[in-house]
Amino acid sequence: MGELVKLPNIGKAVEEQLNQTGIFTQEDLKSVGAKNAWLKIQGIDESACIHRLLALEGAIRGVKKTALPDDVKADLKEFYRRHKKK
C-alpha cells in the first residue's frame, strides 16, 4: 500500500493503475492532472468510467468526488463523453 491510497476516493485498485502509469505520489497526480491521469488509466483499462475520473479530481482536491463543484463535474463529464472508448 502506497501513498495514493491515503487520498480520498483512491482505493488499492486505482492506486495500482496509477502506479502502472508512472504516478506514485499526490504530487505526481497533481502535476499530471485528473484528465491526463484518467487517459493514462484508460490506456491500460478500457472500462475506466466517469466515476474514476471524478475520483481522481477529488483526490487532487482532497475531497470526496461528490463534493466537487457542479461546474467541475460538468466539465469532467463533457471530457469523459469526448474521450470514452466506444
C-alpha atoms as a PDB file:
ATOM      1  CA  MET A   1       0.000   0.000   0.000  1.00  0.00           C
ATOM      2  CA  GLY A   2       1.437   3.324  -1.057  1.00  0.00           C
ATOM      3  CA  GLU A   3       0.802   6.998  -0.621  1.00  0.00           C
ATOM      4  CA  LEU A   4      -2.059   7.390  -3.111  1.00  0.00           C
ATOM      5  CA  VAL A   5      -4.462   5.046  -1.318  1.00  0.00           C
ATOM      6  CA  LYS A   6      -4.472   7.519   1.580  1.00  0.00           C
ATOM      7  CA  LEU A   7      -6.161  10.135  -0.642  1.00  0.00           C
ATOM      8  CA  PRO A   8      -9.954  10.497  -0.823  1.00  0.00           C
ATOM      9  CA  ASN A   9     -11.574   8.267  -3.462  1.00  0.00           C
ATOM     10  CA  ILE A  10      -8.444   6.209  -4.152  1.00  0.00           C
ATOM     11  CA  GLY A  11      -8.609   2.521  -3.378  1.00  0.00           C
ATOM     12  CA  LYS A  12      -5.981  -0.133  -3.852  1.00  0.00           C
ATOM     13  CA  ALA A  13      -7.037  -0.987  -7.436  1.00  0.00           C
ATOM     14  CA  VAL A  14      -6.929   2.629  -8.625  1.00  0.00           C
ATOM     15  CA  GLU A  15      -3.615   3.164  -6.860  1.00  0.00           C
ATOM     16  CA  GLU A  16      -2.222   0.134  -8.696  1.00  0.00           C
ATOM     17  CA  GLN A  17      -3.436   1.535 -12.013  1.00  0.00           C
ATOM     18  CA  LEU A  18      -1.898   4.921 -11.251  1.00  0.00           C
ATOM     19  CA  ASN A  19       1.376   3.209 -10.350  1.00  0.00           C
ATOM     20  CA  GLN A  20       1.288   1.279 -13.638  1.00  0.00           C
ATOM     21  CA  THR A  21       1.105   4.609 -15.476  1.00  0.00           C
ATOM     22  CA  GLY A  22       4.018   6.134 -13.555  1.00  0.00           C
ATOM     23  CA  ILE A  23       2.028   8.056 -10.942  1.00  0.00           C
ATOM     24  CA  PHE A  24       3.193   7.248  -7.410  1.00  0.00           C
ATOM     25  CA  THR A  25       2.585  10.351  -5.271  1.00  0.00           C
ATOM     26  CA  GLN A  26      -0.016  13.037  -4.760  1.00  0.00           C
ATOM     27  CA  GLU A  27       2.423  15.488  -6.350  1.00  0.00           C
ATOM     28  CA  ASP A  28       2.703  13.227  -9.407  1.00  0.00           C
ATOM     29  CA  LEU A  29      -1.088  13.134  -9.635  1.00  0.00           C
ATOM     30  CA  LYS A  30      -1.397  16.903  -9.254  1.00  0.00           C
ATOM     31  CA  SER A  31       1.233  17.594 -11.900  1.00  0.00           C
ATOM     32  CA  VAL A  32      -0.337  15.166 -14.393  1.00  0.00           C
ATOM     33  CA  GLY A  33      -3.892  16.295 -13.621  1.00  0.00           C
ATOM     34  CA  ALA A  34      -7.043  14.215 -13.332  1.00  0.00           C
ATOM     35  CA  LYS A  35      -7.854  14.240 -17.050  1.00  0.00           C
ATOM     36  CA  ASN A  36      -4.424  13.082 -18.183  1.00  0.00           C
ATOM     37  CA  ALA A  37      -4.198  10.539 -15.363  1.00  0.00           C
ATOM     38  CA  TRP A  38      -7.568   9.152 -16.421  1.00  0.00           C
ATOM     39  CA  LEU A  39      -6.433   8.952 -20.062  1.00  0.00           C
ATOM     40  CA  LYS A  40      -3.366   7.014 -18.929  1.00  0.00           C
ATOM     41  CA  ILE A  41      -5.557   4.620 -16.925  1.00  0.00           C
ATOM     42  CA  GLN A  42      -7.912   4.257 -19.876  1.00  0.00           C
ATOM     43  CA  GLY A  43      -4.888   3.189 -21.921  1.00  0.00           C
ATOM     44  CA  ILE A  44      -4.497   0.123 -19.689  1.00  0.00           C
ATOM     45  CA  ASP A  45      -8.158  -0.348 -18.703  1.00  0.00           C
ATOM     46  CA  GLU A  46     -10.791   0.481 -21.289  1.00  0.00           C
ATOM     47  CA  SER A  47     -13.502   0.148 -18.639  1.00  0.00           C
ATOM     48  CA  ALA A  48     -12.264   3.335 -16.908  1.00  0.00           C
ATOM     49  CA  CYS A  49     -15.504   5.179 -16.123  1.00  0.00           C
ATOM     50  CA  ILE A  50     -16.659   8.677 -15.261  1.00  0.00           C
ATOM     51  CA  HIS A  51     -16.588   7.789 -11.566  1.00  0.00           C
ATOM     52  CA  ARG A  52     -12.856   7.105 -11.778  1.00  0.00           C
ATOM     53  CA  LEU A  53     -12.298  10.478 -13.448  1.00  0.00           C
ATOM     54  CA  LEU A  54     -14.331  12.268 -10.771  1.00  0.00           C
ATOM     55  CA  ALA A  55     -12.476  10.313  -8.082  1.00  0.00           C
ATOM     56  CA  LEU A  56      -9.107  11.436  -9.450  1.00  0.00           C
ATOM     57  CA  GLU A  57     -10.149  15.088  -9.441  1.00  0.00           C
ATOM     58  CA  GLY A  58     -11.474  14.721  -5.911  1.00  0.00           C
ATOM     59  CA  ALA A  59      -8.197  13.119  -4.808  1.00  0.00           C
ATOM     60  CA  ILE A  60      -6.245  16.048  -6.228  1.00  0.00           C
ATOM     61  CA  ARG A  61      -8.503  18.487  -4.380  1.00  0.00           C
ATOM     62  CA  GLY A  62      -8.571  16.405  -1.197  1.00  0.00           C
ATOM     63  CA  VAL A  63     -12.361  15.932  -1.234  1.00  0.00           C
ATOM     64  CA  LYS A  64     -14.862  13.170  -1.915  1.00  0.00           C
ATOM     65  CA  LYS A  65     -15.953  13.122  -5.549  1.00  0.00           C
ATOM     66  CA  THR A  66     -19.498  14.012  -4.505  1.00  0.00           C
ATOM     67  CA  ALA A  67     -18.179  17.288  -3.032  1.00  0.00           C
ATOM     68  CA  LEU A  68     -16.766  18.548  -6.330  1.00  0.00           C
ATOM     69  CA  PRO A  69     -18.357  21.789  -7.552  1.00  0.00           C
ATOM     70  CA  ASP A  70     -21.086  21.325 -10.164  1.00  0.00           C
ATOM     71  CA  ASP A  71     -19.142  23.217 -12.850  1.00  0.00           C
ATOM     72  CA  VAL A  72     -16.137  20.929 -12.339  1.00  0.00           C
ATOM     73  CA  LYS A  73     -18.363  17.848 -12.558  1.00  0.00           C
ATOM     74  CA  ALA A  74     -19.942  19.171 -15.754  1.00  0.00           C
ATOM     75  CA  ASP A  75     -16.525  19.839 -17.318  1.00  0.00           C
ATOM     76  CA  LEU A  76     -15.282  16.372 -16.407  1.00  0.00           C
ATOM     77  CA  LYS A  77     -18.458  14.730 -17.723  1.00  0.00           C
ATOM     78  CA  GLU A  78     -18.014  16.520 -21.060  1.00  0.00           C
ATOM     79  CA  PHE A  79     -14.350  15.460 -21.178  1.00  0.00           C
ATOM     80  CA  TYR A  80     -15.379  11.880 -20.438  1.00  0.00           C
ATOM     81  CA  ARG A  81     -18.039  11.944 -23.139  1.00  0.00           C
ATOM     82  CA  ARG A  82     -15.454  13.088 -25.702  1.00  0.00           C
ATOM     83  CA  HIS A  83     -12.766  10.580 -24.713  1.00  0.00           C
ATOM     84  CA  LYS A  84     -14.509   7.375 -23.626  1.00  0.00           C
ATOM     85  CA  LYS A  85     -13.874   4.277 -25.684  1.00  0.00           C
ATOM     86  CA  LYS A  86     -16.861   3.184 -27.703  1.00  0.00           C
END
